[in-house]
């Protein structure tokens, strides 16, 4: 029954990994190898059959983005430091607000 829930979710939403994770996290609540394998195979087969029978393609098409040049690395490093510091300020402002 549990692998069937993952297969149904995979077929309905065209998302085999979501079906697998849903069953393992919400329905089963533990990651036994036999349950993982059965759910994975059921979700994969359900997704493949759904795509074959309905000529369904993915809704979201992701374009390939070229790798930025190495000259942009210092800019990414600076952006990471700035956003990290802003994250600290954000978290501390919420903790201060909660304690007040």
C-alpha atoms as a PDB file:
ATOM      1  CA  UNK A   1       0.000   0.000   0.000  1.00  0.00           C
ATOM      2  CA  UNK A   2       2.746   2.471   0.896  1.00  0.00           C
ATOM      3  CA  UNK A   3       4.639   2.158  -2.405  1.00  0.00           C
ATOM      4  CA  UNK A   4       1.285   2.626  -4.137  1.00  0.00           C
ATOM      5  CA  UNK A   5       0.847   5.978  -2.411  1.00  0.00           C
ATOM      6  CA  UNK A   6       4.173   7.125  -3.798  1.00  0.00           C
ATOM      7  CA  UNK A   7       3.277   5.797  -7.250  1.00  0.00           C
ATOM      8  CA  UNK A   8      -0.048   7.612  -7.188  1.00  0.00           C
ATOM      9  CA  UNK A   9       1.589  10.868  -6.203  1.00  0.00           C
ATOM     10  CA  UNK A  10       4.261  10.424  -8.854  1.00  0.00           C
ATOM     11  CA  UNK A  11       1.674   9.756 -11.557  1.00  0.00           C
ATOM     12  CA  UNK A  12      -0.699  12.535 -10.513  1.00  0.00           C
ATOM     13  CA  UNK A  13       1.880  15.291 -10.199  1.00  0.00           C
ATOM     14  CA  UNK A  14       4.589  14.030 -12.567  1.00  0.00           C
ATOM     15  CA  UNK A  15       7.012  14.025  -9.637  1.00  0.00           C
ATOM     16  CA  UNK A  16       8.568  10.643  -8.835  1.00  0.00           C
ATOM     17  CA  UNK A  17      11.014  11.988  -6.249  1.00  0.00           C
ATOM     18  CA  UNK A  18       8.221  13.832  -4.444  1.00  0.00           C
ATOM     19  CA  UNK A  19       6.256  10.573  -4.276  1.00  0.00           C
ATOM     20  CA  UNK A  20       9.253   8.743  -2.864  1.00  0.00           C
ATOM     21  CA  UNK A  21      10.057  11.377  -0.252  1.00  0.00           C
ATOM     22  CA  UNK A  22       6.412  11.746   0.740  1.00  0.00           C
ATOM     23  CA  UNK A  23       6.077   8.051   1.476  1.00  0.00           C
ATOM     24  CA  UNK A  24       9.357   7.813   3.347  1.00  0.00           C
ATOM     25  CA  UNK A  25       8.887  10.974   5.422  1.00  0.00           C
ATOM     26  CA  UNK A  26       5.146  11.162   6.043  1.00  0.00           C
ATOM     27  CA  UNK A  27       3.665   7.699   5.635  1.00  0.00           C
ATOM     28  CA  UNK A  28       6.421   5.270   6.588  1.00  0.00           C
ATOM     29  CA  UNK A  29       8.497   7.494   8.929  1.00  0.00           C
ATOM     30  CA  UNK A  30      11.601   5.312   8.655  1.00  0.00           C
ATOM     31  CA  UNK A  31      13.951   4.511   5.823  1.00  0.00           C
ATOM     32  CA  UNK A  32      14.010   0.723   5.588  1.00  0.00           C
ATOM     33  CA  UNK A  33      15.874  -0.415   2.450  1.00  0.00           C
ATOM     34  CA  UNK A  34      13.037  -2.638   1.245  1.00  0.00           C
ATOM     35  CA  UNK A  35      10.447   0.123   1.579  1.00  0.00           C
ATOM     36  CA  UNK A  36      12.790   2.600  -0.086  1.00  0.00           C
ATOM     37  CA  UNK A  37      13.447   0.274  -3.016  1.00  0.00           C
ATOM     38  CA  UNK A  38       9.829  -0.711  -3.550  1.00  0.00           C
ATOM     39  CA  UNK A  39       8.618   2.880  -3.325  1.00  0.00           C
ATOM     40  CA  UNK A  40      11.352   4.124  -5.647  1.00  0.00           C
ATOM     41  CA  UNK A  41      10.588   1.518  -8.307  1.00  0.00           C
ATOM     42  CA  UNK A  42       6.820   2.068  -8.038  1.00  0.00           C
ATOM     43  CA  UNK A  43       7.128   5.847  -8.303  1.00  0.00           C
ATOM     44  CA  UNK A  44       9.554   5.628 -11.223  1.00  0.00           C
ATOM     45  CA  UNK A  45       7.412   3.168 -13.171  1.00  0.00           C
ATOM     46  CA  UNK A  46       4.262   5.205 -12.506  1.00  0.00           C
ATOM     47  CA  UNK A  47       5.946   8.367 -13.767  1.00  0.00           C
ATOM     48  CA  UNK A  48       7.341   6.714 -16.897  1.00  0.00           C
ATOM     49  CA  UNK A  49       4.001   5.084 -17.757  1.00  0.00           C
ATOM     50  CA  UNK A  50       2.132   8.346 -17.195  1.00  0.00           C
ATOM     51  CA  UNK A  51       4.499  10.175 -19.519  1.00  0.00           C
ATOM     52  CA  UNK A  52       4.245   7.460 -22.169  1.00  0.00           C
ATOM     53  CA  UNK A  53       0.457   7.191 -22.040  1.00  0.00           C
ATOM     54  CA  UNK A  54      -0.320  10.911 -21.975  1.00  0.00           C
ATOM     55  CA  UNK A  55       2.621  12.372 -23.924  1.00  0.00           C
ATOM     56  CA  UNK A  56       3.193  14.561 -20.911  1.00  0.00           C
ATOM     57  CA  UNK A  57       6.309  16.720 -20.716  1.00  0.00           C
ATOM     58  CA  UNK A  58       7.679  18.699 -17.783  1.00  0.00           C
ATOM     59  CA  UNK A  59       5.882  21.988 -17.194  1.00  0.00           C
ATOM     60  CA  UNK A  60       8.933  23.983 -16.177  1.00  0.00           C
ATOM     61  CA  UNK A  61      11.763  24.148 -18.677  1.00  0.00           C
ATOM     62  CA  UNK A  62      15.089  25.130 -17.180  1.00  0.00           C
ATOM     63  CA  UNK A  63      17.537  26.824 -19.504  1.00  0.00           C
ATOM     64  CA  UNK A  64      21.223  26.068 -19.210  1.00  0.00           C
ATOM     65  CA  UNK A  65      22.970  29.043 -17.655  1.00  0.00           C
ATOM     66  CA  UNK A  66      26.609  29.483 -18.616  1.00  0.00           C
ATOM     67  CA  UNK A  67      29.234  29.336 -15.875  1.00  0.00           C
ATOM     68  CA  UNK A  68      30.332  32.835 -14.836  1.00  0.00           C
ATOM     69  CA  UNK A  69      33.965  33.746 -15.443  1.00  0.00           C
ATOM     70  CA  UNK A  70      36.524  33.392 -12.649  1.00  0.00           C
ATOM     71  CA  UNK A  71      36.885  37.174 -12.599  1.00  0.00           C
ATOM     72  CA  UNK A  72      33.411  37.313 -10.989  1.00  0.00           C
ATOM     73  CA  UNK A  73      34.549  35.187  -8.017  1.00  0.00           C
ATOM     74  CA  UNK A  74      35.478  38.163  -5.775  1.00  0.00           C
ATOM     75  CA  UNK A  75      32.041  39.688  -6.420  1.00  0.00           C
ATOM     76  CA  UNK A  76      30.336  36.431  -5.383  1.00  0.00           C
ATOM     77  CA  UNK A  77      32.540  36.236  -2.303  1.00  0.00           C
ATOM     78  CA  UNK A  78      31.602  39.793  -1.332  1.00  0.00           C
ATOM     79  CA  UNK A  79      27.928  39.084  -1.952  1.00  0.00           C
ATOM     80  CA  UNK A  80      28.126  35.997   0.266  1.00  0.00           C
ATOM     81  CA  UNK A  81      29.767  37.926   3.110  1.00  0.00           C
ATOM     82  CA  UNK A  82      27.240  40.774   2.882  1.00  0.00           C
ATOM     83  CA  UNK A  83      24.217  38.449   2.814  1.00  0.00           C
ATOM     84  CA  UNK A  84      25.682  36.401   5.678  1.00  0.00           C
ATOM     85  CA  UNK A  85      26.048  39.532   7.797  1.00  0.00           C
ATOM     86  CA  UNK A  86      22.544  40.662   6.881  1.00  0.00           C
ATOM     87  CA  UNK A  87      21.268  37.233   7.944  1.00  0.00           C
ATOM     88  CA  UNK A  88      22.912  37.634  11.351  1.00  0.00           C
ATOM     89  CA  UNK A  89      21.376  41.099  11.762  1.00  0.00           C
ATOM     90  CA  UNK A  90      17.972  39.759  10.692  1.00  0.00           C
ATOM     91  CA  UNK A  91      18.067  36.847  13.150  1.00  0.00           C
ATOM     92  CA  UNK A  92      19.258  39.006  16.040  1.00  0.00           C
ATOM     93  CA  UNK A  93      16.567  41.595  15.365  1.00  0.00           C
ATOM     94  CA  UNK A  94      13.917  38.882  15.563  1.00  0.00           C
ATOM     95  CA  UNK A  95      15.359  37.432  18.755  1.00  0.00           C
ATOM     96  CA  UNK A  96      15.476  40.898  20.306  1.00  0.00           C
ATOM     97  CA  UNK A  97      11.900  41.546  19.243  1.00  0.00           C
ATOM     98  CA  UNK A  98      10.693  38.274  20.746  1.00  0.00           C
ATOM     99  CA  UNK A  99      12.409  38.894  24.108  1.00  0.00           C
ATOM    100  CA  UNK A 100      11.096  42.460  24.442  1.00  0.00           C
END
